[in-house]
Amino acid sequence: MKPPVEDTKQSPIFKTKEKPVEKTGTAYAQSKGWLVYKFVSPGNAGVPDRVYFREGKCVLVEWKRPSKNPKAKKRQEMQHNRLRRAGMAVYLLDDAHPALLSMIFD
């Protein structure tokens, strides 16, 4: 007999949308002196959501809603890998925990 499947709609973590996580992470980065821009690149679907700049550094972040296994879409993975090959720091984040953010933005 299979164990019951967890109803993700009832779990509080899955009720959280991407926007609050992105907003919290972005506010943290700004409090540390990072310049933040929404990254939109016409004709290049799948680029990360935000680009962060500080002291000659550039960090790109794809924000996802909280989940047990956050995944980028295939097009996003392709763009992220392309940016990494160009030497960029690219992160896929579904959590705005201060300890995690401090490893990236401090």
N, C-alpha and C. Protein backbone atom coordinates (compact mmCIF):
# COMPACT_ATOMS: atom_id res chain seq x y z
N MET A 1 0.84 -1.18 0.00
CA MET A 1 0.00 0.00 0.00
C MET A 1 0.88 1.24 0.00
N LYS A 2 0.57 2.20 -0.86
CA LYS A 2 1.34 3.43 -0.95
C LYS A 2 0.98 4.36 0.19
N PRO A 3 1.99 5.10 0.69
CA PRO A 3 1.68 6.09 1.73
C PRO A 3 0.83 7.21 1.13
N PRO A 4 0.04 7.87 1.95
CA PRO A 4 -0.80 8.96 1.42
C PRO A 4 0.08 10.07 0.85
N VAL A 5 -0.37 10.66 -0.23
CA VAL A 5 0.34 11.76 -0.86
C VAL A 5 0.02 13.04 -0.10
N GLU A 6 1.07 13.79 0.20
CA GLU A 6 0.86 15.05 0.92
C GLU A 6 0.13 16.03 0.01
N ASP A 7 -0.90 16.65 0.54
CA ASP A 7 -1.65 17.64 -0.22
C ASP A 7 -0.88 18.95 -0.15
N THR A 8 -0.16 19.27 -1.22
CA THR A 8 0.69 20.45 -1.23
C THR A 8 -0.11 21.74 -1.10
N LYS A 9 -1.37 21.73 -1.45
CA LYS A 9 -2.18 22.93 -1.32
C LYS A 9 -2.49 23.24 0.14
N GLN A 10 -2.40 22.23 1.01
CA GLN A 10 -2.67 22.43 2.43
C GLN A 10 -1.40 22.77 3.21
N SER A 11 -0.25 22.45 2.67
CA SER A 11 1.01 22.71 3.35
C SER A 11 1.34 24.20 3.29
N PRO A 12 1.62 24.85 4.45
CA PRO A 12 1.88 26.29 4.46
C PRO A 12 3.04 26.70 3.56
N ILE A 13 4.07 25.88 3.46
CA ILE A 13 5.23 26.25 2.65
C ILE A 13 4.85 26.41 1.18
N PHE A 14 3.91 25.63 0.70
CA PHE A 14 3.55 25.68 -0.71
C PHE A 14 2.53 26.78 -1.02
N LYS A 15 2.00 27.42 0.02
CA LYS A 15 1.09 28.54 -0.19
C LYS A 15 1.85 29.82 -0.49
N THR A 16 3.14 29.86 -0.12
CA THR A 16 3.96 31.04 -0.35
C THR A 16 4.26 31.17 -1.83
N LYS A 17 4.13 32.37 -2.32
CA LYS A 17 4.43 32.65 -3.72
C LYS A 17 5.89 33.07 -3.86
N GLU A 18 6.33 33.21 -5.09
CA GLU A 18 7.70 33.62 -5.38
C GLU A 18 7.97 35.06 -4.94
N LYS A 19 7.02 35.94 -5.15
CA LYS A 19 7.22 37.37 -4.92
C LYS A 19 7.68 37.72 -3.50
N PRO A 20 7.06 37.18 -2.43
CA PRO A 20 7.53 37.54 -1.09
C PRO A 20 8.96 37.07 -0.81
N VAL A 21 9.33 35.93 -1.34
CA VAL A 21 10.69 35.42 -1.14
C VAL A 21 11.68 36.33 -1.87
N GLU A 22 11.34 36.68 -3.11
CA GLU A 22 12.19 37.57 -3.90
C GLU A 22 12.31 38.94 -3.23
N LYS A 23 11.21 39.44 -2.72
CA LYS A 23 11.19 40.76 -2.07
C LYS A 23 12.07 40.76 -0.81
N THR A 24 11.98 39.72 -0.01
CA THR A 24 12.79 39.62 1.21
C THR A 24 14.27 39.51 0.86
N GLY A 25 14.60 38.66 -0.11
CA GLY A 25 16.00 38.51 -0.53
C GLY A 25 16.57 39.78 -1.11
N THR A 26 15.77 40.47 -1.90
CA THR A 26 16.22 41.72 -2.51
C THR A 26 16.41 42.81 -1.45
N ALA A 27 15.51 42.89 -0.49
CA ALA A 27 15.65 43.88 0.60
C ALA A 27 16.93 43.61 1.39
N TYR A 28 17.23 42.34 1.62
CA TYR A 28 18.47 41.99 2.34
C TYR A 28 19.68 42.47 1.55
N ALA A 29 19.71 42.17 0.25
CA ALA A 29 20.84 42.57 -0.59
C ALA A 29 20.99 44.10 -0.60
N GLN A 30 19.89 44.81 -0.72
CA GLN A 30 19.94 46.27 -0.72
C GLN A 30 20.46 46.81 0.61
N SER A 31 20.10 46.16 1.71
CA SER A 31 20.59 46.59 3.02
C SER A 31 22.09 46.41 3.15
N LYS A 32 22.67 45.57 2.30
CA LYS A 32 24.12 45.33 2.30
C LYS A 32 24.83 46.15 1.23
N GLY A 33 24.07 47.06 0.58
CA GLY A 33 24.68 47.97 -0.38
C GLY A 33 24.67 47.51 -1.83
N TRP A 34 23.93 46.46 -2.14
CA TRP A 34 23.85 45.97 -3.52
C TRP A 34 22.86 46.80 -4.32
N LEU A 35 23.21 47.10 -5.58
CA LEU A 35 22.26 47.69 -6.53
C LEU A 35 21.50 46.54 -7.14
N VAL A 36 20.19 46.69 -7.28
CA VAL A 36 19.35 45.59 -7.74
C VAL A 36 18.51 46.03 -8.93
N TYR A 37 18.49 45.16 -9.95
CA TYR A 37 17.69 45.43 -11.14
C TYR A 37 16.93 44.18 -11.54
N LYS A 38 15.73 44.38 -12.04
CA LYS A 38 14.97 43.29 -12.65
C LYS A 38 15.66 43.01 -13.99
N PHE A 39 15.93 41.74 -14.26
CA PHE A 39 16.64 41.37 -15.48
C PHE A 39 15.63 40.90 -16.52
N VAL A 40 15.49 41.68 -17.58
CA VAL A 40 14.63 41.33 -18.70
C VAL A 40 15.48 41.46 -19.96
N SER A 41 15.50 40.42 -20.75
CA SER A 41 16.31 40.43 -21.96
C SER A 41 15.47 39.93 -23.13
N PRO A 42 14.85 40.86 -23.87
CA PRO A 42 14.00 40.45 -24.99
C PRO A 42 14.74 39.51 -25.95
N GLY A 43 14.07 38.44 -26.32
CA GLY A 43 14.67 37.46 -27.22
C GLY A 43 15.53 36.43 -26.52
N ASN A 44 15.66 36.54 -25.20
CA ASN A 44 16.47 35.60 -24.42
C ASN A 44 15.66 35.07 -23.24
N ALA A 45 14.68 34.26 -23.53
CA ALA A 45 13.83 33.70 -22.47
C ALA A 45 14.69 32.87 -21.51
N GLY A 46 14.33 32.92 -20.25
CA GLY A 46 14.99 32.07 -19.26
C GLY A 46 16.11 32.74 -18.48
N VAL A 47 16.35 34.04 -18.71
CA VAL A 47 17.39 34.71 -17.93
C VAL A 47 16.92 34.84 -16.48
N PRO A 48 17.86 34.93 -15.53
CA PRO A 48 17.47 35.04 -14.11
C PRO A 48 16.60 36.27 -13.85
N ASP A 49 15.86 36.22 -12.73
CA ASP A 49 14.91 37.28 -12.38
C ASP A 49 15.58 38.60 -12.04
N ARG A 50 16.64 38.54 -11.26
CA ARG A 50 17.27 39.75 -10.75
C ARG A 50 18.78 39.70 -10.95
N VAL A 51 19.33 40.90 -11.11
CA VAL A 51 20.79 41.04 -11.19
C VAL A 51 21.20 42.03 -10.09
N TYR A 52 22.24 41.67 -9.36
CA TYR A 52 22.71 42.43 -8.19
C TYR A 52 24.16 42.85 -8.44
N PHE A 53 24.48 44.12 -8.14
CA PHE A 53 25.83 44.65 -8.34
C PHE A 53 26.35 45.29 -7.06
N ARG A 54 27.62 45.04 -6.75
CA ARG A 54 28.27 45.74 -5.63
C ARG A 54 29.78 45.56 -5.75
N GLU A 55 30.50 46.67 -5.65
CA GLU A 55 31.96 46.66 -5.61
C GLU A 55 32.58 45.79 -6.71
N GLY A 56 32.11 45.95 -7.92
CA GLY A 56 32.67 45.22 -9.06
C GLY A 56 32.20 43.78 -9.18
N LYS A 57 31.29 43.36 -8.32
CA LYS A 57 30.74 42.00 -8.37
C LYS A 57 29.35 42.02 -8.99
N CYS A 58 29.01 40.91 -9.62
CA CYS A 58 27.69 40.75 -10.21
C CYS A 58 27.16 39.38 -9.82
N VAL A 59 25.95 39.35 -9.30
CA VAL A 59 25.29 38.11 -8.91
C VAL A 59 23.92 38.09 -9.58
N LEU A 60 23.58 36.95 -10.17
CA LEU A 60 22.27 36.79 -10.80
C LEU A 60 21.48 35.76 -10.01
N VAL A 61 20.20 36.04 -9.78
CA VAL A 61 19.37 35.13 -8.98
C VAL A 61 18.06 34.84 -9.69
N GLU A 62 17.75 33.56 -9.78
CA GLU A 62 16.44 33.09 -10.22
C GLU A 62 15.67 32.75 -8.95
N TRP A 63 14.62 33.49 -8.67
CA TRP A 63 13.81 33.25 -7.48
C TRP A 63 12.68 32.29 -7.80
N LYS A 64 12.44 31.35 -6.90
CA LYS A 64 11.36 30.38 -7.03
C LYS A 64 10.54 30.39 -5.75
N ARG A 65 9.28 29.96 -5.87
CA ARG A 65 8.48 29.84 -4.65
C ARG A 65 9.05 28.66 -3.85
N PRO A 66 8.90 28.69 -2.53
CA PRO A 66 9.42 27.61 -1.71
C PRO A 66 8.88 26.25 -2.14
N SER A 67 9.75 25.27 -2.19
CA SER A 67 9.34 23.91 -2.51
C SER A 67 10.39 22.95 -1.96
N LYS A 68 10.06 21.69 -1.96
CA LYS A 68 11.01 20.69 -1.47
C LYS A 68 12.16 20.50 -2.45
N ASN A 69 11.91 20.74 -3.72
CA ASN A 69 12.92 20.52 -4.74
C ASN A 69 12.77 21.59 -5.83
N PRO A 70 13.28 22.81 -5.58
CA PRO A 70 13.12 23.86 -6.59
C PRO A 70 13.90 23.51 -7.85
N LYS A 71 13.26 23.72 -8.99
CA LYS A 71 13.91 23.41 -10.26
C LYS A 71 13.70 24.55 -11.23
N ALA A 72 14.71 24.78 -12.02
CA ALA A 72 14.58 25.74 -13.12
C ALA A 72 13.95 25.03 -14.30
N LYS A 73 13.25 25.79 -15.11
CA LYS A 73 12.72 25.24 -16.34
C LYS A 73 13.89 24.99 -17.29
N LYS A 74 13.67 24.16 -18.29
CA LYS A 74 14.74 23.77 -19.21
C LYS A 74 15.42 25.00 -19.84
N ARG A 75 14.62 25.96 -20.28
CA ARG A 75 15.18 27.17 -20.90
C ARG A 75 16.00 27.97 -19.88
N GLN A 76 15.53 28.01 -18.63
CA GLN A 76 16.27 28.71 -17.58
C GLN A 76 17.60 28.02 -17.30
N GLU A 77 17.57 26.70 -17.22
CA GLU A 77 18.82 25.95 -17.00
C GLU A 77 19.83 26.26 -18.09
N MET A 78 19.38 26.31 -19.33
CA MET A 78 20.26 26.60 -20.44
C MET A 78 20.90 27.99 -20.29
N GLN A 79 20.07 28.98 -19.97
CA GLN A 79 20.58 30.34 -19.80
C GLN A 79 21.51 30.44 -18.58
N HIS A 80 21.15 29.78 -17.49
CA HIS A 80 21.99 29.82 -16.29
C HIS A 80 23.36 29.21 -16.58
N ASN A 81 23.37 28.07 -17.26
CA ASN A 81 24.64 27.43 -17.60
C ASN A 81 25.47 28.30 -18.54
N ARG A 82 24.80 28.94 -19.46
CA ARG A 82 25.50 29.84 -20.40
C ARG A 82 26.16 30.99 -19.62
N LEU A 83 25.43 31.56 -18.67
CA LEU A 83 25.99 32.65 -17.86
C LEU A 83 27.13 32.15 -16.97
N ARG A 84 26.99 30.97 -16.40
CA ARG A 84 28.07 30.41 -15.57
C ARG A 84 29.33 30.18 -16.39
N ARG A 85 29.17 29.69 -17.62
CA ARG A 85 30.35 29.49 -18.49
C ARG A 85 31.04 30.83 -18.80
N ALA A 86 30.27 31.91 -18.75
CA ALA A 86 30.83 33.24 -18.97
C ALA A 86 31.43 33.83 -17.68
N GLY A 87 31.43 33.03 -16.61
CA GLY A 87 32.04 33.46 -15.36
C GLY A 87 31.12 34.14 -14.37
N MET A 88 29.82 34.12 -14.63
CA MET A 88 28.86 34.78 -13.75
C MET A 88 28.45 33.86 -12.60
N ALA A 89 28.14 34.47 -11.46
CA ALA A 89 27.59 33.73 -10.31
C ALA A 89 26.08 33.73 -10.46
N VAL A 90 25.50 32.55 -10.64
CA VAL A 90 24.05 32.41 -10.84
C VAL A 90 23.51 31.48 -9.76
N TYR A 91 22.47 31.92 -9.08
CA TYR A 91 21.85 31.13 -8.02
C TYR A 91 20.37 30.92 -8.30
N LEU A 92 19.87 29.77 -7.90
CA LEU A 92 18.44 29.47 -7.92
C LEU A 92 18.02 29.35 -6.46
N LEU A 93 17.21 30.28 -5.99
CA LEU A 93 16.84 30.33 -4.57
C LEU A 93 15.34 30.25 -4.38
N ASP A 94 14.94 29.45 -3.40
CA ASP A 94 13.52 29.38 -3.03
C ASP A 94 13.34 29.71 -1.56
N ASP A 95 14.37 30.28 -0.94
CA ASP A 95 14.34 30.59 0.48
C ASP A 95 15.11 31.88 0.70
N ALA A 96 14.59 32.76 1.54
CA ALA A 96 15.25 34.02 1.85
C ALA A 96 15.74 34.01 3.29
N HIS A 97 16.20 32.87 3.76
CA HIS A 97 16.72 32.76 5.12
C HIS A 97 18.00 33.60 5.24
N PRO A 98 18.12 34.41 6.29
CA PRO A 98 19.29 35.28 6.42
C PRO A 98 20.64 34.56 6.33
N ALA A 99 20.73 33.35 6.87
CA ALA A 99 22.01 32.62 6.81
C ALA A 99 22.38 32.31 5.35
N LEU A 100 21.40 31.93 4.57
CA LEU A 100 21.63 31.64 3.15
C LEU A 100 21.99 32.91 2.41
N LEU A 101 21.24 33.97 2.63
CA LEU A 101 21.49 35.23 1.95
C LEU A 101 22.85 35.81 2.31
N SER A 102 23.27 35.64 3.56
CA SER A 102 24.57 36.18 3.97
C SER A 102 25.72 35.50 3.25
N MET A 103 25.55 34.23 2.88
CA MET A 103 26.61 33.55 2.14
C MET A 103 26.77 34.13 0.73
N ILE A 104 25.72 34.72 0.20
CA ILE A 104 25.77 35.27 -1.16
C ILE A 104 26.07 36.76 -1.14
N PHE A 105 25.43 37.50 -0.24
CA PHE A 105 25.47 38.96 -0.31
C PHE A 105 26.34 39.65 0.74
N ASP A 106 26.94 38.95 1.65
CA ASP A 106 27.82 39.59 2.64
C ASP A 106 29.26 39.60 2.17
